[in-house]
Amino acid sequence: MKKVVFSVIMILGMAAAAVAGDDLNRCFYSMDRNGDEAVSAEEFKAALPNSAAAFAEADADKSGSLDHDEWEAFKESKGIEDSH
């Protein structure tokens, strides 16, 4: 379990770094390449390679995409707070 939590924290850390210091809300919208207010598995993988397990966990309704509420709930479940 500790390994999984550490991996998720590392993935989210990479996400934050990937958007050059923007907050994680910005990260969601940066991952949403087509602007449909959802992040597909492909968009998530493009932004965060090797993160299939994190995507599967964050996709609470198992729809194959993340909406903003799922992303926020996932961050909250991991103790990640927004920077704003």
PDB file of N, CA and C in Angstrom:
ATOM      1  N   MET A   1       0.815  -1.186   0.000  1.00  0.00           N
ATOM      2  CA  MET A   1       0.000   0.000   0.000  1.00  0.00           C
ATOM      3  C   MET A   1       0.868   1.263   0.000  1.00  0.00           C
ATOM      4  N   LYS A   2       1.925   1.266   0.825  1.00  0.00           N
ATOM      5  CA  LYS A   2       2.804   2.425   0.860  1.00  0.00           C
ATOM      6  C   LYS A   2       3.428   2.677  -0.506  1.00  0.00           C
ATOM      7  N   LYS A   3       3.759   1.608  -1.212  1.00  0.00           N
ATOM      8  CA  LYS A   3       4.358   1.743  -2.536  1.00  0.00           C
ATOM      9  C   LYS A   3       3.380   2.404  -3.507  1.00  0.00           C
ATOM     10  N   VAL A   4       2.104   2.016  -3.426  1.00  0.00           N
ATOM     11  CA  VAL A   4       1.091   2.597  -4.303  1.00  0.00           C
ATOM     12  C   VAL A   4       0.917   4.079  -3.995  1.00  0.00           C
ATOM     13  N   VAL A   5       0.807   4.425  -2.716  1.00  0.00           N
ATOM     14  CA  VAL A   5       0.639   5.829  -2.330  1.00  0.00           C
ATOM     15  C   VAL A   5       1.844   6.640  -2.789  1.00  0.00           C
ATOM     16  N   PHE A   6       3.044   6.115  -2.569  1.00  0.00           N
ATOM     17  CA  PHE A   6       4.246   6.812  -3.007  1.00  0.00           C
ATOM     18  C   PHE A   6       4.230   7.015  -4.523  1.00  0.00           C
ATOM     19  N   SER A   7       3.836   5.984  -5.267  1.00  0.00           N
ATOM     20  CA  SER A   7       3.790   6.085  -6.727  1.00  0.00           C
ATOM     21  C   SER A   7       2.812   7.160  -7.175  1.00  0.00           C
ATOM     22  N   VAL A   8       1.652   7.207  -6.535  1.00  0.00           N
ATOM     23  CA  VAL A   8       0.648   8.211  -6.893  1.00  0.00           C
ATOM     24  C   VAL A   8       1.165   9.605  -6.578  1.00  0.00           C
ATOM     25  N   ILE A   9       1.808   9.768  -5.432  1.00  0.00           N
ATOM     26  CA  ILE A   9       2.362  11.072  -5.075  1.00  0.00           C
ATOM     27  C   ILE A   9       3.423  11.477  -6.096  1.00  0.00           C
ATOM     28  N   MET A  10       4.248  10.536  -6.512  1.00  0.00           N
ATOM     29  CA  MET A  10       5.269  10.835  -7.522  1.00  0.00           C
ATOM     30  C   MET A  10       4.620  11.238  -8.844  1.00  0.00           C
ATOM     31  N   ILE A  11       3.576  10.524  -9.244  1.00  0.00           N
ATOM     32  CA  ILE A  11       2.881  10.828 -10.500  1.00  0.00           C
ATOM     33  C   ILE A  11       2.290  12.229 -10.431  1.00  0.00           C
ATOM     34  N   LEU A  12       1.642  12.548  -9.314  1.00  0.00           N
ATOM     35  CA  LEU A  12       1.057  13.883  -9.189  1.00  0.00           C
ATOM     36  C   LEU A  12       2.139  14.951  -9.126  1.00  0.00           C
ATOM     37  N   GLY A  13       3.268  14.623  -8.525  1.00  0.00           N
ATOM     38  CA  GLY A  13       4.389  15.551  -8.514  1.00  0.00           C
ATOM     39  C   GLY A  13       4.893  15.817  -9.915  1.00  0.00           C
ATOM     40  N   MET A  14       4.960  14.770 -10.724  1.00  0.00           N
ATOM     41  CA  MET A  14       5.380  14.936 -12.118  1.00  0.00           C
ATOM     42  C   MET A  14       4.360  15.764 -12.873  1.00  0.00           C
ATOM     43  N   ALA A  15       3.074  15.558 -12.564  1.00  0.00           N
ATOM     44  CA  ALA A  15       2.028  16.336 -13.234  1.00  0.00           C
ATOM     45  C   ALA A  15       2.201  17.812 -12.929  1.00  0.00           C
ATOM     46  N   ALA A  16       2.465  18.119 -11.677  1.00  0.00           N
ATOM     47  CA  ALA A  16       2.654  19.517 -11.299  1.00  0.00           C
ATOM     48  C   ALA A  16       3.872  20.098 -12.002  1.00  0.00           C
ATOM     49  N   ALA A  17       4.948  19.342 -12.054  1.00  0.00           N
ATOM     50  CA  ALA A  17       6.157  19.821 -12.725  1.00  0.00           C
ATOM     51  C   ALA A  17       5.931  19.960 -14.222  1.00  0.00           C
ATOM     52  N   ALA A  18       5.127  19.075 -14.780  1.00  0.00           N
ATOM     53  CA  ALA A  18       4.899  19.069 -16.226  1.00  0.00           C
ATOM     54  C   ALA A  18       4.212  20.336 -16.708  1.00  0.00           C
ATOM     55  N   VAL A  19       3.502  21.000 -15.847  1.00  0.00           N
ATOM     56  CA  VAL A  19       2.823  22.222 -16.264  1.00  0.00           C
ATOM     57  C   VAL A  19       3.567  23.452 -15.756  1.00  0.00           C
ATOM     58  N   ALA A  20       4.861  23.287 -15.546  1.00  0.00           N
ATOM     59  CA  ALA A  20       5.768  24.399 -15.226  1.00  0.00           C
ATOM     60  C   ALA A  20       5.282  25.261 -14.082  1.00  0.00           C
ATOM     61  N   GLY A  21       4.917  24.601 -12.968  1.00  0.00           N
ATOM     62  CA  GLY A  21       4.573  25.339 -11.767  1.00  0.00           C
ATOM     63  C   GLY A  21       3.115  25.721 -11.644  1.00  0.00           C
ATOM     64  N   ASP A  22       2.300  25.484 -12.664  1.00  0.00           N
ATOM     65  CA  ASP A  22       0.875  25.771 -12.536  1.00  0.00           C
ATOM     66  C   ASP A  22       0.278  24.822 -11.515  1.00  0.00           C
ATOM     67  N   ASP A  23      -0.866  25.207 -10.947  1.00  0.00           N
ATOM     68  CA  ASP A  23      -1.510  24.342  -9.971  1.00  0.00           C
ATOM     69  C   ASP A  23      -2.128  23.123 -10.651  1.00  0.00           C
ATOM     70  N   LEU A  24      -2.583  22.175  -9.827  1.00  0.00           N
ATOM     71  CA  LEU A  24      -3.114  20.931 -10.373  1.00  0.00           C
ATOM     72  C   LEU A  24      -4.434  21.116 -11.089  1.00  0.00           C
ATOM     73  N   ASN A  25      -5.179  22.180 -10.817  1.00  0.00           N
ATOM     74  CA  ASN A  25      -6.374  22.467 -11.612  1.00  0.00           C
ATOM     75  C   ASN A  25      -5.954  22.739 -13.049  1.00  0.00           C
ATOM     76  N   ARG A  26      -4.921  23.531 -13.209  1.00  0.00           N
ATOM     77  CA  ARG A  26      -4.392  23.813 -14.539  1.00  0.00           C
ATOM     78  C   ARG A  26      -3.938  22.524 -15.199  1.00  0.00           C
ATOM     79  N   CYS A  27      -3.368  21.631 -14.401  1.00  0.00           N
ATOM     80  CA  CYS A  27      -2.919  20.358 -14.938  1.00  0.00           C
ATOM     81  C   CYS A  27      -4.086  19.605 -15.576  1.00  0.00           C
ATOM     82  N   PHE A  28      -5.255  19.593 -14.944  1.00  0.00           N
ATOM     83  CA  PHE A  28      -6.415  18.911 -15.521  1.00  0.00           C
ATOM     84  C   PHE A  28      -6.714  19.489 -16.895  1.00  0.00           C
ATOM     85  N   TYR A  29      -6.785  20.801 -16.977  1.00  0.00           N
ATOM     86  CA  TYR A  29      -7.126  21.428 -18.250  1.00  0.00           C
ATOM     87  C   TYR A  29      -5.995  21.308 -19.271  1.00  0.00           C
ATOM     88  N   SER A  30      -4.769  21.200 -18.799  1.00  0.00           N
ATOM     89  CA  SER A  30      -3.660  20.960 -19.713  1.00  0.00           C
ATOM     90  C   SER A  30      -3.720  19.554 -20.305  1.00  0.00           C
ATOM     91  N   MET A  31      -4.171  18.604 -19.502  1.00  0.00           N
ATOM     92  CA  MET A  31      -4.297  17.230 -19.998  1.00  0.00           C
ATOM     93  C   MET A  31      -5.449  17.102 -20.983  1.00  0.00           C
ATOM     94  N   ASP A  32      -6.486  17.914 -20.828  1.00  0.00           N
ATOM     95  CA  ASP A  32      -7.674  17.861 -21.687  1.00  0.00           C
ATOM     96  C   ASP A  32      -7.370  18.533 -23.023  1.00  0.00           C
ATOM     97  N   ARG A  33      -6.659  17.818 -23.866  1.00  0.00           N
ATOM     98  CA  ARG A  33      -6.159  18.385 -25.127  1.00  0.00           C
ATOM     99  C   ARG A  33      -7.253  18.808 -26.098  1.00  0.00           C
ATOM    100  N   ASN A  34      -8.402  18.094 -26.095  1.00  0.00           N
ATOM    101  CA  ASN A  34      -9.440  18.436 -27.067  1.00  0.00           C
ATOM    102  C   ASN A  34     -10.505  19.369 -26.500  1.00  0.00           C
ATOM    103  N   GLY A  35     -10.355  19.774 -25.228  1.00  0.00           N
ATOM    104  CA  GLY A  35     -11.249  20.759 -24.638  1.00  0.00           C
ATOM    105  C   GLY A  35     -12.661  20.287 -24.364  1.00  0.00           C
ATOM    106  N   ASP A  36     -12.849  18.979 -24.214  1.00  0.00           N
ATOM    107  CA  ASP A  36     -14.197  18.457 -23.995  1.00  0.00           C
ATOM    108  C   ASP A  36     -14.564  18.339 -22.514  1.00  0.00           C
ATOM    109  N   GLU A  37     -13.764  18.949 -21.634  1.00  0.00           N
ATOM    110  CA  GLU A  37     -13.999  18.940 -20.190  1.00  0.00           C
ATOM    111  C   GLU A  37     -13.860  17.538 -19.583  1.00  0.00           C
ATOM    112  N   ALA A  38     -13.141  16.667 -20.269  1.00  0.00           N
ATOM    113  CA  ALA A  38     -12.856  15.322 -19.774  1.00  0.00           C
ATOM    114  C   ALA A  38     -11.459  14.941 -20.236  1.00  0.00           C
ATOM    115  N   VAL A  39     -10.806  14.124 -19.431  1.00  0.00           N
ATOM    116  CA  VAL A  39      -9.474  13.638 -19.786  1.00  0.00           C
ATOM    117  C   VAL A  39      -9.583  12.149 -20.079  1.00  0.00           C
ATOM    118  N   SER A  40      -9.350  11.797 -21.325  1.00  0.00           N
ATOM    119  CA  SER A  40      -9.404  10.388 -21.726  1.00  0.00           C
ATOM    120  C   SER A  40      -8.160   9.664 -21.221  1.00  0.00           C
ATOM    121  N   ALA A  41      -8.213   8.350 -21.262  1.00  0.00           N
ATOM    122  CA  ALA A  41      -7.049   7.556 -20.869  1.00  0.00           C
ATOM    123  C   ALA A  41      -5.847   7.920 -21.734  1.00  0.00           C
ATOM    124  N   GLU A  42      -6.085   8.174 -23.005  1.00  0.00           N
ATOM    125  CA  GLU A  42      -4.999   8.517 -23.922  1.00  0.00           C
ATOM    126  C   GLU A  42      -4.394   9.879 -23.570  1.00  0.00           C
ATOM    127  N   GLU A  43      -5.254  10.858 -23.271  1.00  0.00           N
ATOM    128  CA  GLU A  43      -4.760  12.180 -22.882  1.00  0.00           C
ATOM    129  C   GLU A  43      -3.974  12.098 -21.573  1.00  0.00           C
ATOM    130  N   PHE A  44      -4.486  11.319 -20.629  1.00  0.00           N
ATOM    131  CA  PHE A  44      -3.816  11.159 -19.341  1.00  0.00           C
ATOM    132  C   PHE A  44      -2.455  10.515 -19.539  1.00  0.00           C
ATOM    133  N   LYS A  45      -2.408   9.460 -20.340  1.00  0.00           N
ATOM    134  CA  LYS A  45      -1.144   8.760 -20.594  1.00  0.00           C
ATOM    135  C   LYS A  45      -0.144   9.671 -21.307  1.00  0.00           C
ATOM    136  N   ALA A  46      -0.627  10.492 -22.226  1.00  0.00           N
ATOM    137  CA  ALA A  46       0.267  11.420 -22.931  1.00  0.00           C
ATOM    138  C   ALA A  46       0.884  12.423 -21.956  1.00  0.00           C
ATOM    139  N   ALA A  47       0.102  12.874 -20.983  1.00  0.00           N
ATOM    140  CA  ALA A  47       0.597  13.847 -20.015  1.00  0.00           C
ATOM    141  C   ALA A  47       1.425  13.190 -18.916  1.00  0.00           C
ATOM    142  N   LEU A  48       1.039  11.982 -18.532  1.00  0.00           N
ATOM    143  CA  LEU A  48       1.675  11.288 -17.412  1.00  0.00           C
ATOM    144  C   LEU A  48       1.984   9.842 -17.802  1.00  0.00           C
ATOM    145  N   PRO A  49       3.029   9.624 -18.558  1.00  0.00           N
ATOM    146  CA  PRO A  49       3.371   8.253 -18.971  1.00  0.00           C
ATOM    147  C   PRO A  49       3.536   7.344 -17.756  1.00  0.00           C
ATOM    148  N   ASN A  50       3.243   6.076 -17.941  1.00  0.00           N
ATOM    149  CA  ASN A  50       3.370   5.072 -16.870  1.00  0.00           C
ATOM    150  C   ASN A  50       2.434   5.341 -15.700  1.00  0.00           C
ATOM    151  N   SER A  51       1.248   5.859 -15.989  1.00  0.00           N
ATOM    152  CA  SER A  51       0.319   6.218 -14.925  1.00  0.00           C
ATOM    153  C   SER A  51      -1.028   5.518 -15.055  1.00  0.00           C
ATOM    154  N   ALA A  52      -1.051   4.372 -15.690  1.00  0.00           N
ATOM    155  CA  ALA A  52      -2.309   3.660 -15.917  1.00  0.00           C
ATOM    156  C   ALA A  52      -3.018   3.336 -14.604  1.00  0.00           C
ATOM    157  N   ALA A  53      -2.279   2.944 -13.593  1.00  0.00           N
ATOM    158  CA  ALA A  53      -2.898   2.600 -12.306  1.00  0.00           C
ATOM    159  C   ALA A  53      -3.561   3.824 -11.676  1.00  0.00           C
ATOM    160  N   ALA A  54      -2.915   4.971 -11.764  1.00  0.00           N
ATOM    161  CA  ALA A  54      -3.490   6.203 -11.208  1.00  0.00           C
ATOM    162  C   ALA A  54      -4.753   6.577 -11.966  1.00  0.00           C
ATOM    163  N   PHE A  55      -4.730   6.445 -13.287  1.00  0.00           N
ATOM    164  CA  PHE A  55      -5.920   6.760 -14.076  1.00  0.00           C
ATOM    165  C   PHE A  55      -7.068   5.835 -13.688  1.00  0.00           C
ATOM    166  N   ALA A  56      -6.791   4.543 -13.589  1.00  0.00           N
ATOM    167  CA  ALA A  56      -7.826   3.576 -13.242  1.00  0.00           C
ATOM    168  C   ALA A  56      -8.449   3.895 -11.891  1.00  0.00           C
ATOM    169  N   GLU A  57      -7.629   4.314 -10.944  1.00  0.00           N
ATOM    170  CA  GLU A  57      -8.148   4.664  -9.620  1.00  0.00           C
ATOM    171  C   GLU A  57      -8.948   5.965  -9.673  1.00  0.00           C
ATOM    172  N   ALA A  58      -8.480   6.929 -10.406  1.00  0.00           N
ATOM    173  CA  ALA A  58      -9.154   8.226 -10.477  1.00  0.00           C
ATOM    174  C   ALA A  58     -10.476   8.153 -11.231  1.00  0.00           C
ATOM    175  N   ASP A  59     -10.579   7.230 -12.176  1.00  0.00           N
ATOM    176  CA  ASP A  59     -11.798   7.079 -12.984  1.00  0.00           C
ATOM    177  C   ASP A  59     -12.865   6.347 -12.166  1.00  0.00           C
ATOM    178  N   ALA A  60     -13.442   7.058 -11.210  1.00  0.00           N
ATOM    179  CA  ALA A  60     -14.358   6.465 -10.234  1.00  0.00           C
ATOM    180  C   ALA A  60     -15.569   5.804 -10.872  1.00  0.00           C
ATOM    181  N   ASP A  61     -16.106   6.383 -11.924  1.00  0.00           N
ATOM    182  CA  ASP A  61     -17.298   5.806 -12.555  1.00  0.00           C
ATOM    183  C   ASP A  61     -16.958   4.824 -13.671  1.00  0.00           C
ATOM    184  N   LYS A  62     -15.668   4.582 -13.873  1.00  0.00           N
ATOM    185  CA  LYS A  62     -15.173   3.621 -14.874  1.00  0.00           C
ATOM    186  C   LYS A  62     -15.713   3.905 -16.271  1.00  0.00           C
ATOM    187  N   SER A  63     -15.813   5.207 -16.587  1.00  0.00           N
ATOM    188  CA  SER A  63     -16.316   5.623 -17.900  1.00  0.00           C
ATOM    189  C   SER A  63     -15.239   5.654 -18.970  1.00  0.00           C
ATOM    190  N   GLY A  64     -13.985   5.550 -18.549  1.00  0.00           N
ATOM    191  CA  GLY A  64     -12.890   5.628 -19.505  1.00  0.00           C
ATOM    192  C   GLY A  64     -12.350   7.036 -19.670  1.00  0.00           C
ATOM    193  N   SER A  65     -12.904   7.983 -18.902  1.00  0.00           N
ATOM    194  CA  SER A  65     -12.393   9.354 -18.917  1.00  0.00           C
ATOM    195  C   SER A  65     -12.604   9.963 -17.531  1.00  0.00           C
ATOM    196  N   LEU A  66     -11.836  11.008 -17.264  1.00  0.00           N
ATOM    197  CA  LEU A  66     -11.948  11.714 -15.995  1.00  0.00           C
ATOM    198  C   LEU A  66     -12.629  13.046 -16.217  1.00  0.00           C
ATOM    199  N   ASP A  67     -13.605  13.352 -15.363  1.00  0.00           N
ATOM    200  CA  ASP A  67     -14.112  14.718 -15.367  1.00  0.00           C
ATOM    201  C   ASP A  67     -13.406  15.465 -14.238  1.00  0.00           C
ATOM    202  N   HIS A  68     -13.617  16.751 -14.175  1.00  0.00           N
ATOM    203  CA  HIS A  68     -12.915  17.571 -13.192  1.00  0.00           C
ATOM    204  C   HIS A  68     -13.224  17.111 -11.768  1.00  0.00           C
ATOM    205  N   ASP A  69     -14.464  16.733 -11.492  1.00  0.00           N
ATOM    206  CA  ASP A  69     -14.834  16.286 -10.147  1.00  0.00           C
ATOM    207  C   ASP A  69     -14.085  15.015  -9.758  1.00  0.00           C
ATOM    208  N   GLU A  70     -13.940  14.082 -10.693  1.00  0.00           N
ATOM    209  CA  GLU A  70     -13.173  12.865 -10.398  1.00  0.00           C
ATOM    210  C   GLU A  70     -11.716  13.202 -10.098  1.00  0.00           C
ATOM    211  N   TRP A  71     -11.142  14.116 -10.869  1.00  0.00           N
ATOM    212  CA  TRP A  71      -9.753  14.516 -10.659  1.00  0.00           C
ATOM    213  C   TRP A  71      -9.589  15.147  -9.275  1.00  0.00           C
ATOM    214  N   GLU A  72     -10.519  16.036  -8.911  1.00  0.00           N
ATOM    215  CA  GLU A  72     -10.457  16.680  -7.605  1.00  0.00           C
ATOM    216  C   GLU A  72     -10.626  15.659  -6.475  1.00  0.00           C
ATOM    217  N   ALA A  73     -11.550  14.730  -6.631  1.00  0.00           N
ATOM    218  CA  ALA A  73     -11.762  13.704  -5.608  1.00  0.00           C
ATOM    219  C   ALA A  73     -10.526  12.820  -5.466  1.00  0.00           C
ATOM    220  N   PHE A  74      -9.901  12.493  -6.583  1.00  0.00           N
ATOM    221  CA  PHE A  74      -8.684  11.685  -6.554  1.00  0.00           C
ATOM    222  C   PHE A  74      -7.584  12.414  -5.795  1.00  0.00           C
ATOM    223  N   LYS A  75      -7.372  13.683  -6.123  1.00  0.00           N
ATOM    224  CA  LYS A  75      -6.348  14.466  -5.421  1.00  0.00           C
ATOM    225  C   LYS A  75      -6.653  14.530  -3.928  1.00  0.00           C
ATOM    226  N   GLU A  76      -7.898  14.780  -3.596  1.00  0.00           N
ATOM    227  CA  GLU A  76      -8.286  14.867  -2.186  1.00  0.00           C
ATOM    228  C   GLU A  76      -8.036  13.547  -1.467  1.00  0.00           C
ATOM    229  N   SER A  77      -8.340  12.434  -2.129  1.00  0.00           N
ATOM    230  CA  SER A  77      -8.132  11.122  -1.502  1.00  0.00           C
ATOM    231  C   SER A  77      -6.666  10.842  -1.227  1.00  0.00           C
ATOM    232  N   LYS A  78      -5.787  11.525  -1.947  1.00  0.00           N
ATOM    233  CA  LYS A  78      -4.336  11.357  -1.773  1.00  0.00           C
ATOM    234  C   LYS A  78      -3.735  12.464  -0.910  1.00  0.00           C
ATOM    235  N   GLY A  79      -4.586  13.361  -0.406  1.00  0.00           N
ATOM    236  CA  GLY A  79      -4.087  14.432   0.447  1.00  0.00           C
ATOM    237  C   GLY A  79      -3.381  15.533  -0.303  1.00  0.00           C
ATOM    238  N   ILE A  80      -3.674  15.675  -1.590  1.00  0.00           N
ATOM    239  CA  ILE A  80      -3.064  16.718  -2.409  1.00  0.00           C
ATOM    240  C   ILE A  80      -3.986  17.939  -2.400  1.00  0.00           C
ATOM    241  N   GLU A  81      -3.466  19.058  -1.951  1.00  0.00           N
ATOM    242  CA  GLU A  81      -4.246  20.287  -1.907  1.00  0.00           C
ATOM    243  C   GLU A  81      -3.880  21.184  -3.072  1.00  0.00           C
ATOM    244  N   ASP A  82      -4.858  21.942  -3.537  1.00  0.00           N
ATOM    245  CA  ASP A  82      -4.594  22.927  -4.591  1.00  0.00           C
ATOM    246  C   ASP A  82      -3.669  23.994  -4.044  1.00  0.00           C
ATOM    247  N   SER A  83      -2.889  24.569  -4.936  1.00  0.00           N
ATOM    248  CA  SER A  83      -1.929  25.592  -4.527  1.00  0.00           C
ATOM    249  C   SER A  83      -2.519  26.993  -4.535  1.00  0.00           C
ATOM    250  N   HIS A  84      -3.784  27.137  -4.866  1.00  0.00           N
ATOM    251  CA  HIS A  84      -4.387  28.478  -4.852  1.00  0.00           C
ATOM    252  C   HIS A  84      -5.400  28.603  -3.763  1.00  0.00           C
TER     253      HIS A  84
END
